[in-house]
Amino acid sequence: MLGAGLVLYLSWLPWPQLRTTGLLPAWLAAWSDQAANENIRTAVPFLGLGLLTGGWLLDRGRWSWRGGLGAWAVLTALAGVAEAGQLLLPHRSCDPADVLWGAGGALAGLLLLAGLAWLLRLRI
């Protein structure tokens, strides 16, 4: 919940420059504010959310491909809500590609955790 709230907060800031928030380390804020990283910076927090969500599913014993797909759908919807909220902000723009970047980051996080869990099961 905290991660989702942080994603929404950062997505709905009046200005897209993250260096003004003071929430991120200076090096990370500088990286995210570079024009070359404009789209991929959406995938990064969703990668983290995918890892955390997958870890939660594993910890609760609820991991399955169906559960992973459901988690991915919820995280993708979160990316959609974050982008849709930018329609109401004068200095922000809603970019459907950012939803795809968020979905890709979430999928990568979930798949990384699923792969790690699979490898750990093989060693036991």
Protein backbone atom coordinates (compact mmCIF):
# COMPACT_ATOMS: atom_id res chain seq x y z
CA MET A 1 0.00 0.00 0.00
CA LEU A 2 2.83 2.37 0.84
CA GLY A 3 4.49 1.67 -2.52
CA ALA A 4 1.24 2.27 -4.41
CA GLY A 5 0.70 5.50 -2.50
CA LEU A 6 4.21 6.68 -3.30
CA VAL A 7 3.70 5.92 -7.01
CA LEU A 8 0.45 7.90 -7.05
CA TYR A 9 1.98 10.78 -5.10
CA LEU A 10 4.97 11.08 -7.41
CA SER A 11 2.77 10.70 -10.50
CA TRP A 12 0.43 13.44 -9.38
CA LEU A 13 2.98 16.05 -8.42
CA PRO A 14 2.25 19.36 -10.19
CA TRP A 15 5.62 19.22 -11.99
CA PRO A 16 7.26 16.08 -13.41
CA GLN A 17 10.74 16.93 -12.07
CA LEU A 18 11.40 14.65 -9.10
CA ARG A 19 14.43 16.56 -7.82
CA THR A 20 12.06 19.10 -6.26
CA THR A 21 10.43 16.54 -3.96
CA GLY A 22 13.32 15.82 -1.63
CA LEU A 23 12.05 12.23 -1.36
CA LEU A 24 14.69 10.67 -3.57
CA PRO A 25 18.47 10.67 -3.27
CA ALA A 26 19.96 13.45 -5.42
CA TRP A 27 21.61 10.99 -7.86
CA LEU A 28 18.33 9.12 -8.41
CA ALA A 29 16.31 12.30 -8.85
CA ALA A 30 18.89 13.62 -11.35
CA TRP A 31 18.77 10.33 -13.30
CA SER A 32 14.96 10.30 -13.37
CA ASP A 33 14.75 13.90 -14.54
CA GLN A 34 16.92 13.32 -17.62
CA ALA A 35 14.90 13.37 -20.84
CA ALA A 36 16.49 10.09 -21.97
CA ASN A 37 15.02 8.32 -18.92
CA GLU A 38 11.57 9.87 -19.16
CA ASN A 39 9.76 6.61 -19.97
CA ILE A 40 11.90 3.99 -18.28
CA ARG A 41 11.63 5.82 -14.96
CA THR A 42 8.03 4.62 -14.88
CA ALA A 43 9.15 0.98 -15.04
CA VAL A 44 11.58 1.24 -12.12
CA PRO A 45 9.09 1.66 -9.25
CA PHE A 46 6.81 -0.95 -10.81
CA LEU A 47 9.73 -3.38 -10.93
CA GLY A 48 10.06 -2.85 -7.19
CA LEU A 49 6.33 -3.21 -6.66
CA GLY A 50 6.36 -6.43 -8.69
CA LEU A 51 9.14 -7.82 -6.50
CA LEU A 52 7.36 -6.79 -3.30
CA THR A 53 3.99 -8.11 -4.43
CA GLY A 54 5.48 -11.39 -5.59
CA GLY A 55 7.34 -11.70 -2.29
CA TRP A 56 4.12 -11.09 -0.39
CA LEU A 57 2.33 -13.76 -2.43
CA LEU A 58 5.14 -16.23 -1.78
CA ASP A 59 5.25 -15.42 1.92
CA ARG A 60 1.52 -15.99 2.24
CA GLY A 61 1.69 -19.23 0.29
CA ARG A 62 -0.55 -17.78 -2.39
CA TRP A 63 1.84 -17.84 -5.31
CA SER A 64 0.48 -19.39 -8.46
CA TRP A 65 0.53 -18.31 -12.05
CA ARG A 66 -3.06 -17.23 -11.63
CA GLY A 67 -2.14 -15.19 -8.54
CA GLY A 68 0.83 -13.69 -10.35
CA LEU A 69 -1.36 -12.74 -13.30
CA GLY A 70 -3.87 -11.14 -10.94
CA ALA A 71 -1.09 -9.19 -9.22
CA TRP A 72 0.21 -8.03 -12.60
CA ALA A 73 -3.31 -6.88 -13.59
CA VAL A 74 -3.65 -4.89 -10.35
CA LEU A 75 -0.24 -3.25 -10.79
CA THR A 76 -1.04 -2.44 -14.42
CA ALA A 77 -4.32 -0.87 -13.30
CA LEU A 78 -2.35 1.19 -10.77
CA ALA A 79 -0.17 2.48 -13.62
CA GLY A 80 -3.34 3.37 -15.53
CA VAL A 81 -4.81 5.24 -12.57
CA ALA A 82 -1.54 7.11 -12.05
CA GLU A 83 -1.50 8.22 -15.68
CA ALA A 84 -5.22 9.05 -15.80
CA GLY A 85 -4.81 11.30 -12.78
CA GLN A 86 -2.34 13.38 -14.75
CA LEU A 87 -5.17 14.44 -17.05
CA LEU A 88 -6.33 16.74 -14.26
CA LEU A 89 -2.94 18.39 -13.75
CA PRO A 90 -2.09 21.38 -15.96
CA HIS A 91 1.69 20.80 -16.15
CA ARG A 92 1.53 17.01 -16.53
CA SER A 93 0.60 14.89 -19.53
CA CYS A 94 -1.03 11.49 -19.64
CA ASP A 95 1.09 9.13 -21.74
CA PRO A 96 -0.37 5.69 -22.51
CA ALA A 97 3.18 4.44 -23.13
CA ASP A 98 3.88 4.99 -19.42
CA VAL A 99 1.16 2.46 -18.60
CA LEU A 100 3.00 -0.04 -20.80
CA TRP A 101 6.31 0.80 -19.10
CA GLY A 102 4.68 0.31 -15.70
CA ALA A 103 3.13 -2.98 -16.80
CA GLY A 104 6.49 -4.14 -18.13
CA GLY A 105 8.28 -3.22 -14.92
CA ALA A 106 5.68 -5.03 -12.82
CA LEU A 107 5.89 -8.11 -15.03
CA ALA A 108 9.69 -8.10 -14.83
CA GLY A 109 9.56 -7.89 -11.02
CA LEU A 110 7.03 -10.69 -10.72
CA LEU A 111 8.93 -12.91 -13.16
CA LEU A 112 12.26 -12.26 -11.44
CA LEU A 113 10.80 -13.30 -8.12
CA ALA A 114 9.08 -16.34 -9.62
CA GLY A 115 12.36 -17.39 -11.24
CA LEU A 116 14.27 -16.91 -8.01
CA ALA A 117 11.69 -18.94 -6.08
CA TRP A 118 11.91 -21.69 -8.69
CA LEU A 119 15.71 -21.77 -8.48
CA LEU A 120 15.61 -21.92 -4.69
CA ARG A 121 13.17 -24.83 -4.82
CA LEU A 122 15.53 -26.73 -7.11
CA ARG A 123 18.34 -26.43 -4.55
CA ILE A 124 16.27 -27.82 -1.67
